[in-house]
Amino acid sequence: MSVELISTKTQSSRYGAYEALKRGMDISFSFVALLLLFPLFVTISAIIFATDRGPIIYRQKRVGRGGRLFTFYKFRSMVTNADELKAKLAHQNEASGPIFKMKNDPRITPIGRILRKTSLDELPQLWSVLRGDMSLVGPRPHLQAEIDAYEGYPLERLSVIPGLICYREICGRSSLTFERWLELDLEYIQTRSLKTDLTILLKSVPAVLLGKGAY
């Protein structure tokens, strides 16, 4: 299935004020966070380079609002040839649906395990939030291949800007099935508001600190 561009005119008219305030919050928070966390960015970058030579930032094309592709950034937590090794590990996939997950994925580097457990690998996405490709809160963006492989993929999920944090992050993360993940995203889309966004952001703090379901 190929994703057609989704019209967001109805969404914008209904949630116009909310989206304007949400965008303002995204810009303010991401800008300040990038400034304050700059020393941490430098430290993580130095450790990745010192312990596992290669690219510091991992780039990947993900599907955003309206089915448009954008560049997704993470601190690299896997070996440089991780994508090539993925096919060889396909039979060990522990996740449901079209996504690939392994608790003890051999492609993850020692520093990468720490970055993933603490979600520090996701910090570069603050740049995507500042640019407008992502929001602080919203459904996590999928790969085009994952969308194509899932029969009956809910295109409503692509009617909003993808996020850095969503219900999945506070409800079990990688321990959730793909189907449950989609259900939570649709629930968010149908009930989204500034109050909902702030609640998710606040609840994400203990979820990240505890690292439950993160791998």
N, C-alpha and C. Protein backbone atom coordinates (compact mmCIF):
# COMPACT_ATOMS: atom_id res chain seq x y z
N MET A 1 0.85 -1.18 0.00
CA MET A 1 0.00 0.00 0.00
C MET A 1 0.88 1.23 0.00
N SER A 2 0.61 2.16 -0.87
CA SER A 2 1.36 3.41 -0.89
C SER A 2 0.51 4.47 -0.22
N VAL A 3 1.14 5.28 0.58
CA VAL A 3 0.42 6.31 1.33
C VAL A 3 0.19 7.52 0.44
N GLU A 4 -1.07 7.93 0.28
CA GLU A 4 -1.39 9.12 -0.47
C GLU A 4 -1.32 10.31 0.49
N LEU A 5 -0.99 11.49 -0.07
CA LEU A 5 -0.94 12.67 0.78
C LEU A 5 -2.32 12.95 1.33
N ILE A 6 -2.39 13.18 2.61
CA ILE A 6 -3.66 13.38 3.30
C ILE A 6 -3.95 14.87 3.44
N SER A 7 -5.14 15.28 3.12
CA SER A 7 -5.54 16.66 3.28
C SER A 7 -5.69 16.97 4.76
N THR A 8 -5.11 18.09 5.19
CA THR A 8 -5.18 18.47 6.60
C THR A 8 -6.05 19.72 6.80
N LYS A 9 -6.79 20.11 5.77
CA LYS A 9 -7.60 21.33 5.85
C LYS A 9 -8.64 21.23 6.96
N THR A 10 -9.36 20.10 7.04
CA THR A 10 -10.38 19.93 8.07
C THR A 10 -9.75 19.94 9.45
N GLN A 11 -8.62 19.25 9.58
CA GLN A 11 -7.94 19.19 10.87
C GLN A 11 -7.54 20.59 11.32
N SER A 12 -6.99 21.40 10.37
CA SER A 12 -6.49 22.71 10.71
C SER A 12 -7.61 23.65 11.14
N SER A 13 -8.76 23.55 10.46
CA SER A 13 -9.87 24.44 10.79
C SER A 13 -10.45 24.10 12.16
N ARG A 14 -10.50 22.83 12.50
CA ARG A 14 -11.07 22.40 13.78
C ARG A 14 -10.12 22.64 14.94
N TYR A 15 -8.84 22.46 14.70
CA TYR A 15 -7.85 22.57 15.78
C TYR A 15 -6.91 23.75 15.57
N GLY A 16 -7.36 24.76 14.83
CA GLY A 16 -6.49 25.89 14.49
C GLY A 16 -5.81 26.55 15.67
N ALA A 17 -6.61 26.96 16.67
CA ALA A 17 -6.04 27.65 17.84
C ALA A 17 -5.11 26.72 18.61
N TYR A 18 -5.54 25.48 18.78
CA TYR A 18 -4.73 24.50 19.51
C TYR A 18 -3.39 24.28 18.80
N GLU A 19 -3.43 24.13 17.47
CA GLU A 19 -2.19 23.87 16.73
C GLU A 19 -1.25 25.06 16.77
N ALA A 20 -1.80 26.28 16.76
CA ALA A 20 -0.96 27.47 16.85
C ALA A 20 -0.25 27.53 18.21
N LEU A 21 -0.99 27.26 19.28
CA LEU A 21 -0.40 27.26 20.62
C LEU A 21 0.60 26.12 20.77
N LYS A 22 0.25 24.98 20.21
CA LYS A 22 1.14 23.80 20.27
C LYS A 22 2.45 24.09 19.55
N ARG A 23 2.35 24.74 18.39
CA ARG A 23 3.56 25.07 17.63
C ARG A 23 4.43 26.06 18.41
N GLY A 24 3.78 27.02 19.06
CA GLY A 24 4.54 27.97 19.88
C GLY A 24 5.27 27.28 21.01
N MET A 25 4.60 26.33 21.63
CA MET A 25 5.22 25.56 22.71
C MET A 25 6.38 24.72 22.17
N ASP A 26 6.19 24.13 21.01
CA ASP A 26 7.25 23.32 20.39
C ASP A 26 8.50 24.15 20.13
N ILE A 27 8.30 25.33 19.54
CA ILE A 27 9.44 26.19 19.20
C ILE A 27 10.16 26.65 20.46
N SER A 28 9.40 27.12 21.44
CA SER A 28 10.00 27.63 22.68
C SER A 28 10.77 26.55 23.42
N PHE A 29 10.13 25.40 23.61
CA PHE A 29 10.76 24.32 24.38
C PHE A 29 11.99 23.77 23.67
N SER A 30 11.86 23.48 22.37
CA SER A 30 12.97 22.86 21.64
C SER A 30 14.16 23.82 21.54
N PHE A 31 13.89 25.10 21.34
CA PHE A 31 14.98 26.08 21.24
C PHE A 31 15.76 26.17 22.54
N VAL A 32 15.03 26.31 23.65
CA VAL A 32 15.68 26.41 24.96
C VAL A 32 16.39 25.10 25.30
N ALA A 33 15.74 23.97 25.01
CA ALA A 33 16.33 22.67 25.32
C ALA A 33 17.63 22.45 24.54
N LEU A 34 17.64 22.83 23.27
CA LEU A 34 18.84 22.66 22.45
C LEU A 34 20.00 23.50 22.99
N LEU A 35 19.69 24.70 23.47
CA LEU A 35 20.73 25.56 24.05
C LEU A 35 21.25 24.98 25.36
N LEU A 36 20.34 24.59 26.25
CA LEU A 36 20.74 24.08 27.55
C LEU A 36 21.44 22.73 27.47
N LEU A 37 21.02 21.91 26.51
CA LEU A 37 21.56 20.56 26.40
C LEU A 37 22.78 20.48 25.47
N PHE A 38 23.22 21.61 24.96
CA PHE A 38 24.36 21.59 24.03
C PHE A 38 25.59 20.89 24.62
N PRO A 39 25.96 21.17 25.88
CA PRO A 39 27.11 20.45 26.47
C PRO A 39 26.89 18.93 26.49
N LEU A 40 25.66 18.50 26.74
CA LEU A 40 25.35 17.07 26.75
C LEU A 40 25.48 16.49 25.34
N PHE A 41 25.03 17.25 24.34
CA PHE A 41 25.16 16.82 22.95
C PHE A 41 26.63 16.60 22.61
N VAL A 42 27.47 17.53 23.02
CA VAL A 42 28.91 17.44 22.74
C VAL A 42 29.51 16.23 23.44
N THR A 43 29.12 16.01 24.69
CA THR A 43 29.64 14.89 25.47
C THR A 43 29.25 13.55 24.84
N ILE A 44 27.98 13.40 24.51
CA ILE A 44 27.50 12.15 23.90
C ILE A 44 28.20 11.91 22.56
N SER A 45 28.34 12.98 21.78
CA SER A 45 29.00 12.86 20.47
C SER A 45 30.44 12.39 20.63
N ALA A 46 31.14 12.94 21.61
CA ALA A 46 32.53 12.58 21.85
C ALA A 46 32.66 11.12 22.28
N ILE A 47 31.73 10.67 23.12
CA ILE A 47 31.77 9.28 23.60
C ILE A 47 31.49 8.30 22.46
N ILE A 48 30.50 8.63 21.65
CA ILE A 48 30.18 7.75 20.51
C ILE A 48 31.38 7.64 19.58
N PHE A 49 32.01 8.78 19.27
CA PHE A 49 33.15 8.78 18.36
C PHE A 49 34.35 8.05 18.96
N ALA A 50 34.55 8.23 20.26
CA ALA A 50 35.72 7.62 20.92
C ALA A 50 35.57 6.11 21.08
N THR A 51 34.35 5.64 21.30
CA THR A 51 34.14 4.21 21.56
C THR A 51 33.76 3.40 20.33
N ASP A 52 33.25 4.07 19.30
CA ASP A 52 32.82 3.34 18.11
C ASP A 52 32.89 4.26 16.90
N ARG A 53 34.04 4.34 16.30
CA ARG A 53 34.27 5.26 15.19
C ARG A 53 33.19 5.13 14.12
N GLY A 54 32.76 6.25 13.63
CA GLY A 54 31.72 6.24 12.61
C GLY A 54 30.81 7.43 12.79
N PRO A 55 29.73 7.50 12.01
CA PRO A 55 28.80 8.63 12.13
C PRO A 55 28.24 8.75 13.54
N ILE A 56 28.11 9.96 14.02
CA ILE A 56 27.56 10.21 15.36
C ILE A 56 26.04 10.25 15.30
N ILE A 57 25.53 10.84 14.24
CA ILE A 57 24.08 10.96 14.06
C ILE A 57 23.59 9.95 13.03
N TYR A 58 22.53 9.25 13.38
CA TYR A 58 21.90 8.30 12.45
C TYR A 58 20.72 9.02 11.80
N ARG A 59 20.70 9.00 10.48
CA ARG A 59 19.64 9.65 9.72
C ARG A 59 18.79 8.62 8.99
N GLN A 60 17.50 8.87 8.95
CA GLN A 60 16.58 7.93 8.32
C GLN A 60 15.36 8.69 7.82
N LYS A 61 14.79 8.25 6.71
CA LYS A 61 13.59 8.89 6.20
C LYS A 61 12.37 8.27 6.89
N ARG A 62 11.53 9.12 7.47
CA ARG A 62 10.30 8.68 8.12
C ARG A 62 9.11 9.40 7.48
N VAL A 63 7.92 8.87 7.72
CA VAL A 63 6.71 9.44 7.14
C VAL A 63 6.08 10.41 8.15
N GLY A 64 5.88 11.65 7.71
CA GLY A 64 5.32 12.66 8.58
C GLY A 64 3.88 12.98 8.23
N ARG A 65 3.47 14.15 8.64
CA ARG A 65 2.08 14.58 8.43
C ARG A 65 1.75 14.62 6.93
N GLY A 66 0.59 14.10 6.59
CA GLY A 66 0.16 14.09 5.21
C GLY A 66 0.91 13.10 4.34
N GLY A 67 1.67 12.20 4.96
CA GLY A 67 2.41 11.20 4.20
C GLY A 67 3.72 11.71 3.63
N ARG A 68 4.13 12.91 4.02
CA ARG A 68 5.37 13.49 3.50
C ARG A 68 6.58 12.93 4.26
N LEU A 69 7.64 12.66 3.51
CA LEU A 69 8.86 12.13 4.10
C LEU A 69 9.71 13.26 4.68
N PHE A 70 10.35 12.99 5.80
CA PHE A 70 11.28 13.95 6.39
C PHE A 70 12.46 13.17 6.98
N THR A 71 13.55 13.88 7.25
CA THR A 71 14.73 13.24 7.82
C THR A 71 14.61 13.16 9.34
N PHE A 72 14.75 11.95 9.83
CA PHE A 72 14.61 11.62 11.25
C PHE A 72 16.00 11.42 11.83
N TYR A 73 16.30 12.07 12.96
CA TYR A 73 17.64 12.03 13.54
C TYR A 73 17.66 11.32 14.90
N LYS A 74 18.74 10.59 15.13
CA LYS A 74 18.98 9.98 16.44
C LYS A 74 20.50 9.93 16.65
N PHE A 75 20.92 9.91 17.91
CA PHE A 75 22.32 9.58 18.16
C PHE A 75 22.49 8.11 17.79
N ARG A 76 23.52 7.79 17.05
CA ARG A 76 23.71 6.41 16.60
C ARG A 76 23.97 5.49 17.79
N SER A 77 23.14 4.47 17.92
CA SER A 77 23.26 3.53 19.03
C SER A 77 23.61 2.12 18.55
N MET A 78 23.73 1.96 17.24
CA MET A 78 24.04 0.65 16.67
C MET A 78 25.34 0.71 15.86
N VAL A 79 25.84 -0.46 15.50
CA VAL A 79 27.03 -0.54 14.67
C VAL A 79 26.72 0.10 13.31
N THR A 80 27.75 0.50 12.60
CA THR A 80 27.55 1.25 11.36
C THR A 80 26.84 0.46 10.27
N ASN A 81 26.93 -0.86 10.29
CA ASN A 81 26.28 -1.69 9.26
C ASN A 81 25.01 -2.36 9.80
N ALA A 82 24.34 -1.70 10.74
CA ALA A 82 23.15 -2.26 11.38
C ALA A 82 22.04 -2.60 10.39
N ASP A 83 21.81 -1.73 9.42
CA ASP A 83 20.73 -1.97 8.46
C ASP A 83 21.01 -3.21 7.62
N GLU A 84 22.27 -3.46 7.31
CA GLU A 84 22.64 -4.64 6.53
C GLU A 84 22.44 -5.92 7.34
N LEU A 85 22.72 -5.85 8.64
CA LEU A 85 22.60 -7.03 9.51
C LEU A 85 21.15 -7.34 9.86
N LYS A 86 20.27 -6.39 9.72
CA LYS A 86 18.87 -6.56 10.11
C LYS A 86 18.22 -7.75 9.41
N ALA A 87 18.49 -7.92 8.12
CA ALA A 87 17.90 -9.03 7.35
C ALA A 87 18.31 -10.38 7.93
N LYS A 88 19.53 -10.48 8.42
CA LYS A 88 20.02 -11.74 8.97
C LYS A 88 19.39 -12.05 10.33
N LEU A 89 18.87 -11.03 10.98
CA LEU A 89 18.27 -11.21 12.30
C LEU A 89 16.75 -11.24 12.27
N ALA A 90 16.19 -11.16 11.08
CA ALA A 90 14.73 -11.06 10.92
C ALA A 90 13.99 -12.18 11.65
N HIS A 91 14.55 -13.40 11.64
CA HIS A 91 13.87 -14.54 12.27
C HIS A 91 13.85 -14.44 13.79
N GLN A 92 14.61 -13.49 14.35
CA GLN A 92 14.65 -13.32 15.81
C GLN A 92 13.81 -12.12 16.28
N ASN A 93 13.03 -11.58 15.37
CA ASN A 93 12.20 -10.42 15.70
C ASN A 93 11.23 -10.75 16.85
N GLU A 94 11.19 -9.92 17.88
CA GLU A 94 10.33 -10.15 19.04
C GLU A 94 9.12 -9.24 19.06
N ALA A 95 8.97 -8.42 18.03
CA ALA A 95 7.85 -7.47 17.97
C ALA A 95 6.77 -7.98 17.04
N SER A 96 5.54 -7.51 17.27
CA SER A 96 4.44 -7.85 16.39
C SER A 96 4.33 -6.81 15.28
N GLY A 97 3.64 -7.17 14.20
CA GLY A 97 3.46 -6.22 13.13
C GLY A 97 4.71 -6.05 12.28
N PRO A 98 4.81 -4.92 11.57
CA PRO A 98 5.91 -4.73 10.61
C PRO A 98 7.19 -4.17 11.21
N ILE A 99 7.21 -3.89 12.52
CA ILE A 99 8.41 -3.32 13.12
C ILE A 99 9.36 -4.42 13.59
N PHE A 100 10.64 -4.06 13.79
CA PHE A 100 11.65 -5.01 14.25
C PHE A 100 12.17 -4.59 15.61
N LYS A 101 12.11 -5.50 16.58
CA LYS A 101 12.61 -5.24 17.93
C LYS A 101 13.22 -6.50 18.52
N MET A 102 14.38 -6.34 19.20
CA MET A 102 15.01 -7.42 19.93
C MET A 102 15.54 -6.85 21.25
N LYS A 103 15.23 -7.52 22.36
CA LYS A 103 15.71 -7.05 23.65
C LYS A 103 17.23 -7.05 23.71
N ASN A 104 17.83 -8.09 23.15
CA ASN A 104 19.29 -8.22 23.16
C ASN A 104 19.83 -8.14 21.74
N ASP A 105 19.49 -7.08 21.07
CA ASP A 105 19.92 -6.88 19.68
C ASP A 105 21.44 -6.76 19.63
N PRO A 106 22.12 -7.68 18.94
CA PRO A 106 23.58 -7.66 18.90
C PRO A 106 24.16 -6.47 18.14
N ARG A 107 23.32 -5.75 17.43
CA ARG A 107 23.80 -4.60 16.66
C ARG A 107 24.01 -3.36 17.53
N ILE A 108 23.43 -3.37 18.73
CA ILE A 108 23.53 -2.21 19.60
C ILE A 108 24.89 -2.15 20.29
N THR A 109 25.51 -1.00 20.26
CA THR A 109 26.82 -0.82 20.89
C THR A 109 26.67 -0.67 22.40
N PRO A 110 27.74 -0.86 23.17
CA PRO A 110 27.66 -0.70 24.64
C PRO A 110 27.12 0.67 25.05
N ILE A 111 27.64 1.73 24.44
CA ILE A 111 27.14 3.07 24.77
C ILE A 111 25.72 3.24 24.25
N GLY A 112 25.43 2.54 23.14
CA GLY A 112 24.09 2.61 22.57
C GLY A 112 23.02 2.07 23.51
N ARG A 113 23.36 1.05 24.27
CA ARG A 113 22.40 0.48 25.22
C ARG A 113 22.03 1.50 26.30
N ILE A 114 23.02 2.24 26.74
CA ILE A 114 22.76 3.27 27.74
C ILE A 114 21.91 4.40 27.14
N LEU A 115 22.26 4.80 25.93
CA LEU A 115 21.51 5.87 25.27
C LEU A 115 20.05 5.49 25.07
N ARG A 116 19.82 4.23 24.68
CA ARG A 116 18.44 3.77 24.46
C ARG A 116 17.67 3.64 25.76
N LYS A 117 18.31 3.10 26.77
CA LYS A 117 17.65 2.90 28.06
C LYS A 117 17.20 4.22 28.67
N THR A 118 18.00 5.26 28.44
CA THR A 118 17.71 6.58 29.00
C THR A 118 17.02 7.50 28.00
N SER A 119 16.80 7.01 26.78
CA SER A 119 16.17 7.78 25.70
C SER A 119 17.01 8.97 25.24
N LEU A 120 18.28 9.00 25.63
CA LEU A 120 19.15 10.09 25.20
C LEU A 120 19.43 10.04 23.70
N ASP A 121 19.26 8.87 23.10
CA ASP A 121 19.47 8.76 21.66
C ASP A 121 18.45 9.56 20.86
N GLU A 122 17.32 9.91 21.49
CA GLU A 122 16.25 10.63 20.81
C GLU A 122 16.45 12.15 20.82
N LEU A 123 17.40 12.66 21.59
CA LEU A 123 17.57 14.10 21.75
C LEU A 123 17.73 14.89 20.44
N PRO A 124 18.44 14.36 19.42
CA PRO A 124 18.57 15.13 18.18
C PRO A 124 17.24 15.46 17.50
N GLN A 125 16.17 14.76 17.90
CA GLN A 125 14.87 15.04 17.30
C GLN A 125 14.31 16.38 17.77
N LEU A 126 14.94 16.98 18.77
CA LEU A 126 14.56 18.34 19.17
C LEU A 126 14.78 19.31 18.02
N TRP A 127 15.77 19.01 17.19
CA TRP A 127 16.02 19.83 16.00
C TRP A 127 14.85 19.70 15.01
N SER A 128 14.32 18.48 14.89
CA SER A 128 13.16 18.26 14.01
C SER A 128 11.93 18.97 14.55
N VAL A 129 11.82 19.03 15.88
CA VAL A 129 10.70 19.75 16.50
C VAL A 129 10.83 21.24 16.20
N LEU A 130 12.02 21.80 16.32
CA LEU A 130 12.25 23.21 16.05
C LEU A 130 11.94 23.53 14.58
N ARG A 131 12.31 22.63 13.68
CA ARG A 131 12.07 22.82 12.25
C ARG A 131 10.59 22.70 11.88
N GLY A 132 9.84 21.96 12.68
CA GLY A 132 8.42 21.76 12.38
C GLY A 132 8.11 20.43 11.75
N ASP A 133 9.12 19.58 11.55
CA ASP A 133 8.89 18.24 11.01
C ASP A 133 8.24 17.34 12.06
N MET A 134 8.52 17.64 13.33
CA MET A 134 7.97 16.88 14.43
C MET A 134 7.43 17.84 15.49
N SER A 135 6.70 17.29 16.45
CA SER A 135 6.19 18.05 17.58
C SER A 135 6.69 17.38 18.85
N LEU A 136 6.58 18.06 19.97
CA LEU A 136 6.98 17.44 21.24
C LEU A 136 6.11 16.22 21.53
N VAL A 137 4.81 16.35 21.25
CA VAL A 137 3.87 15.26 21.52
C VAL A 137 3.12 14.90 20.24
N GLY A 138 3.04 13.61 19.96
CA GLY A 138 2.33 13.14 18.77
C GLY A 138 2.74 11.71 18.46
N PRO A 139 2.08 11.06 17.54
CA PRO A 139 2.42 9.68 17.18
C PRO A 139 3.86 9.59 16.67
N ARG A 140 4.58 8.59 17.11
CA ARG A 140 5.95 8.41 16.63
C ARG A 140 5.93 8.08 15.13
N PRO A 141 6.83 8.68 14.35
CA PRO A 141 6.82 8.46 12.90
C PRO A 141 7.31 7.07 12.50
N HIS A 142 6.63 6.48 11.53
CA HIS A 142 7.01 5.17 11.04
C HIS A 142 7.81 5.27 9.74
N LEU A 143 8.44 4.17 9.39
CA LEU A 143 9.09 4.05 8.10
C LEU A 143 8.03 3.80 7.02
N GLN A 144 8.32 4.21 5.80
CA GLN A 144 7.39 3.95 4.70
C GLN A 144 7.18 2.45 4.53
N ALA A 145 8.25 1.67 4.69
CA ALA A 145 8.15 0.21 4.52
C ALA A 145 7.24 -0.40 5.57
N GLU A 146 7.24 0.14 6.79
CA GLU A 146 6.39 -0.38 7.85
C GLU A 146 4.92 -0.09 7.54
N ILE A 147 4.65 1.08 7.01
CA ILE A 147 3.28 1.45 6.66
C ILE A 147 2.78 0.59 5.50
N ASP A 148 3.64 0.39 4.51
CA ASP A 148 3.26 -0.41 3.35
C ASP A 148 3.00 -1.87 3.72
N ALA A 149 3.74 -2.36 4.72
CA ALA A 149 3.64 -3.78 5.09
C ALA A 149 2.44 -4.09 5.97
N TYR A 150 1.82 -3.06 6.55
CA TYR A 150 0.71 -3.30 7.48
C TYR A 150 -0.62 -3.08 6.78
N GLU A 151 -1.35 -4.17 6.58
CA GLU A 151 -2.64 -4.08 5.89
C GLU A 151 -3.65 -3.33 6.76
N GLY A 152 -4.29 -2.35 6.19
CA GLY A 152 -5.28 -1.58 6.93
C GLY A 152 -4.67 -0.52 7.83
N TYR A 153 -3.47 -0.07 7.50
CA TYR A 153 -2.82 0.96 8.30
C TYR A 153 -3.73 2.19 8.38
N PRO A 154 -4.01 2.70 9.58
CA PRO A 154 -4.92 3.85 9.73
C PRO A 154 -4.28 5.16 9.26
N LEU A 155 -4.72 5.64 8.11
CA LEU A 155 -4.14 6.86 7.57
C LEU A 155 -4.45 8.09 8.43
N GLU A 156 -5.44 7.98 9.32
CA GLU A 156 -5.73 9.06 10.25
C GLU A 156 -4.51 9.38 11.09
N ARG A 157 -3.67 8.39 11.29
CA ARG A 157 -2.45 8.58 12.08
C ARG A 157 -1.51 9.59 11.43
N LEU A 158 -1.66 9.76 10.12
CA LEU A 158 -0.80 10.69 9.39
C LEU A 158 -1.44 12.06 9.23
N SER A 159 -2.54 12.30 9.92
CA SER A 159 -3.24 13.58 9.81
C SER A 159 -2.67 14.62 10.77
N VAL A 160 -1.75 14.20 11.65
CA VAL A 160 -1.13 15.12 12.60
C VAL A 160 0.39 15.04 12.48
N ILE A 161 1.06 16.05 13.00
CA ILE A 161 2.52 16.06 12.99
C ILE A 161 3.03 14.99 13.95
N PRO A 162 3.97 14.16 13.52
CA PRO A 162 4.50 13.12 14.41
C PRO A 162 5.23 13.75 15.60
N GLY A 163 5.37 12.97 16.68
CA GLY A 163 5.93 13.54 17.89
C GLY A 163 7.16 12.84 18.45
N LEU A 164 7.80 13.53 19.35
CA LEU A 164 8.95 13.00 20.09
C LEU A 164 8.47 12.05 21.18
N ILE A 165 7.30 12.37 21.75
CA ILE A 165 6.73 11.58 22.84
C ILE A 165 5.25 11.32 22.53
N CYS A 166 4.78 10.13 22.87
CA CYS A 166 3.36 9.81 22.67
C CYS A 166 2.91 8.89 23.80
N TYR A 167 1.66 8.45 23.73
CA TYR A 167 1.15 7.55 24.77
C TYR A 167 2.02 6.30 24.91
N ARG A 168 2.61 5.86 23.82
CA ARG A 168 3.44 4.65 23.85
C ARG A 168 4.57 4.79 24.87
N GLU A 169 5.16 5.99 24.96
CA GLU A 169 6.28 6.21 25.86
C GLU A 169 5.90 6.11 27.33
N ILE A 170 4.62 6.33 27.64
CA ILE A 170 4.21 6.27 29.05
C ILE A 170 3.34 5.05 29.35
N CYS A 171 3.15 4.19 28.35
CA CYS A 171 2.28 3.02 28.55
C CYS A 171 2.97 1.69 28.27
N GLY A 172 4.32 1.69 28.26
CA GLY A 172 4.99 0.42 28.07
C GLY A 172 6.05 0.37 26.99
N ARG A 173 6.06 1.35 26.11
CA ARG A 173 7.07 1.46 25.05
C ARG A 173 7.19 0.18 24.23
N SER A 174 8.36 -0.39 24.19
CA SER A 174 8.60 -1.55 23.33
C SER A 174 7.87 -2.82 23.76
N SER A 175 7.32 -2.82 24.96
CA SER A 175 6.57 -3.99 25.43
C SER A 175 5.17 -4.05 24.83
N LEU A 176 4.73 -2.96 24.19
CA LEU A 176 3.40 -2.92 23.58
C LEU A 176 3.40 -3.60 22.22
N THR A 177 2.27 -4.16 21.83
CA THR A 177 2.15 -4.71 20.48
C THR A 177 1.97 -3.56 19.51
N PHE A 178 2.22 -3.83 18.24
CA PHE A 178 2.08 -2.79 17.23
C PHE A 178 0.62 -2.32 17.16
N GLU A 179 -0.30 -3.27 17.29
CA GLU A 179 -1.73 -2.94 17.23
C GLU A 179 -2.12 -2.00 18.37
N ARG A 180 -1.62 -2.27 19.58
CA ARG A 180 -1.92 -1.42 20.73
C ARG A 180 -1.32 -0.04 20.55
N TRP A 181 -0.15 0.00 19.96
CA TRP A 181 0.52 1.26 19.67
C TRP A 181 -0.37 2.13 18.77
N LEU A 182 -0.92 1.52 17.72
CA LEU A 182 -1.79 2.25 16.80
C LEU A 182 -3.06 2.72 17.51
N GLU A 183 -3.61 1.87 18.36
CA GLU A 183 -4.83 2.23 19.11
C GLU A 183 -4.60 3.45 19.98
N LEU A 184 -3.45 3.49 20.67
CA LEU A 184 -3.14 4.62 21.53
C LEU A 184 -2.94 5.90 20.72
N ASP A 185 -2.33 5.76 19.55
CA ASP A 185 -2.12 6.93 18.70
C ASP A 185 -3.45 7.50 18.21
N LEU A 186 -4.36 6.63 17.81
CA LEU A 186 -5.68 7.09 17.36
C LEU A 186 -6.45 7.73 18.51
N GLU A 187 -6.30 7.17 19.70
CA GLU A 187 -6.94 7.76 20.88
C GLU A 187 -6.42 9.17 21.12
N TYR A 188 -5.10 9.33 20.96
CA TYR A 188 -4.50 10.66 21.14
C TYR A 188 -5.04 11.64 20.10
N ILE A 189 -5.08 11.23 18.85
CA ILE A 189 -5.53 12.11 17.77
C ILE A 189 -6.96 12.58 18.00
N GLN A 190 -7.80 11.68 18.47
CA GLN A 190 -9.21 12.00 18.67
C GLN A 190 -9.48 12.84 19.91
N THR A 191 -8.56 12.86 20.86
CA THR A 191 -8.79 13.58 22.11
C THR A 191 -7.71 14.63 22.38
N ARG A 192 -6.89 14.92 21.42
CA ARG A 192 -5.74 15.80 21.66
C ARG A 192 -6.15 17.22 22.06
N SER A 193 -5.34 17.77 22.94
CA SER A 193 -5.54 19.13 23.45
C SER A 193 -4.25 19.52 24.16
N LEU A 194 -4.13 20.79 24.51
CA LEU A 194 -2.94 21.22 25.25
C LEU A 194 -2.84 20.51 26.59
N LYS A 195 -4.00 20.28 27.24
CA LYS A 195 -4.01 19.57 28.51
C LYS A 195 -3.48 18.15 28.35
N THR A 196 -3.92 17.48 27.26
CA THR A 196 -3.45 16.12 26.98
C THR A 196 -1.95 16.11 26.73
N ASP A 197 -1.48 17.08 25.93
CA ASP A 197 -0.06 17.16 25.62
C ASP A 197 0.78 17.37 26.87
N LEU A 198 0.35 18.29 27.73
CA LEU A 198 1.09 18.57 28.96
C LEU A 198 1.08 17.37 29.90
N THR A 199 -0.04 16.65 29.94
CA THR A 199 -0.13 15.45 30.78
C THR A 199 0.86 14.39 30.31
N ILE A 200 0.92 14.18 28.99
CA ILE A 200 1.85 13.20 28.43
C ILE A 200 3.30 13.61 28.71
N LEU A 201 3.60 14.89 28.55
CA LEU A 201 4.96 15.37 28.81
C LEU A 201 5.36 15.15 30.26
N LEU A 202 4.46 15.45 31.18
CA LEU A 202 4.75 15.28 32.60
C LEU A 202 4.92 13.81 32.97
N LYS A 203 4.07 12.96 32.43
CA LYS A 203 4.15 11.53 32.73
C LYS A 203 5.35 10.87 32.07
N SER A 204 5.89 11.50 31.03
CA SER A 204 7.04 10.92 30.33
C SER A 204 8.31 11.00 31.17
N VAL A 205 8.36 11.95 32.10
CA VAL A 205 9.56 12.14 32.92
C VAL A 205 9.86 10.89 33.75
N PRO A 206 8.92 10.42 34.60
CA PRO A 206 9.22 9.19 35.36
C PRO A 206 9.35 7.97 34.46
N ALA A 207 8.62 7.95 33.33
CA ALA A 207 8.70 6.80 32.41
C ALA A 207 10.10 6.68 31.83
N VAL A 208 10.69 7.83 31.47
CA VAL A 208 12.04 7.83 30.90
C VAL A 208 13.07 7.49 31.98
N LEU A 209 12.90 8.06 33.17
CA LEU A 209 13.85 7.81 34.26
C LEU A 209 13.87 6.34 34.67
N LEU A 210 12.70 5.71 34.68
CA LEU A 210 12.61 4.28 35.04
C LEU A 210 13.05 3.38 33.90
N GLY A 211 12.93 3.88 32.67
CA GLY A 211 13.38 3.10 31.51
C GLY A 211 12.57 1.84 31.26
N LYS A 212 11.34 1.78 31.77
CA LYS A 212 10.52 0.59 31.60
C LYS A 212 10.12 0.39 30.14
N GLY A 213 10.40 -0.81 29.62
CA GLY A 213 10.02 -1.13 28.25
C GLY A 213 10.94 -0.55 27.19
N ALA A 214 12.04 0.04 27.61
CA ALA A 214 12.97 0.66 26.66
C ALA A 214 14.08 -0.32 26.26
N TYR A 215 14.19 -0.59 24.97
CA TYR A 215 15.32 -1.38 24.44
C TYR A 215 15.40 -1.22 22.94
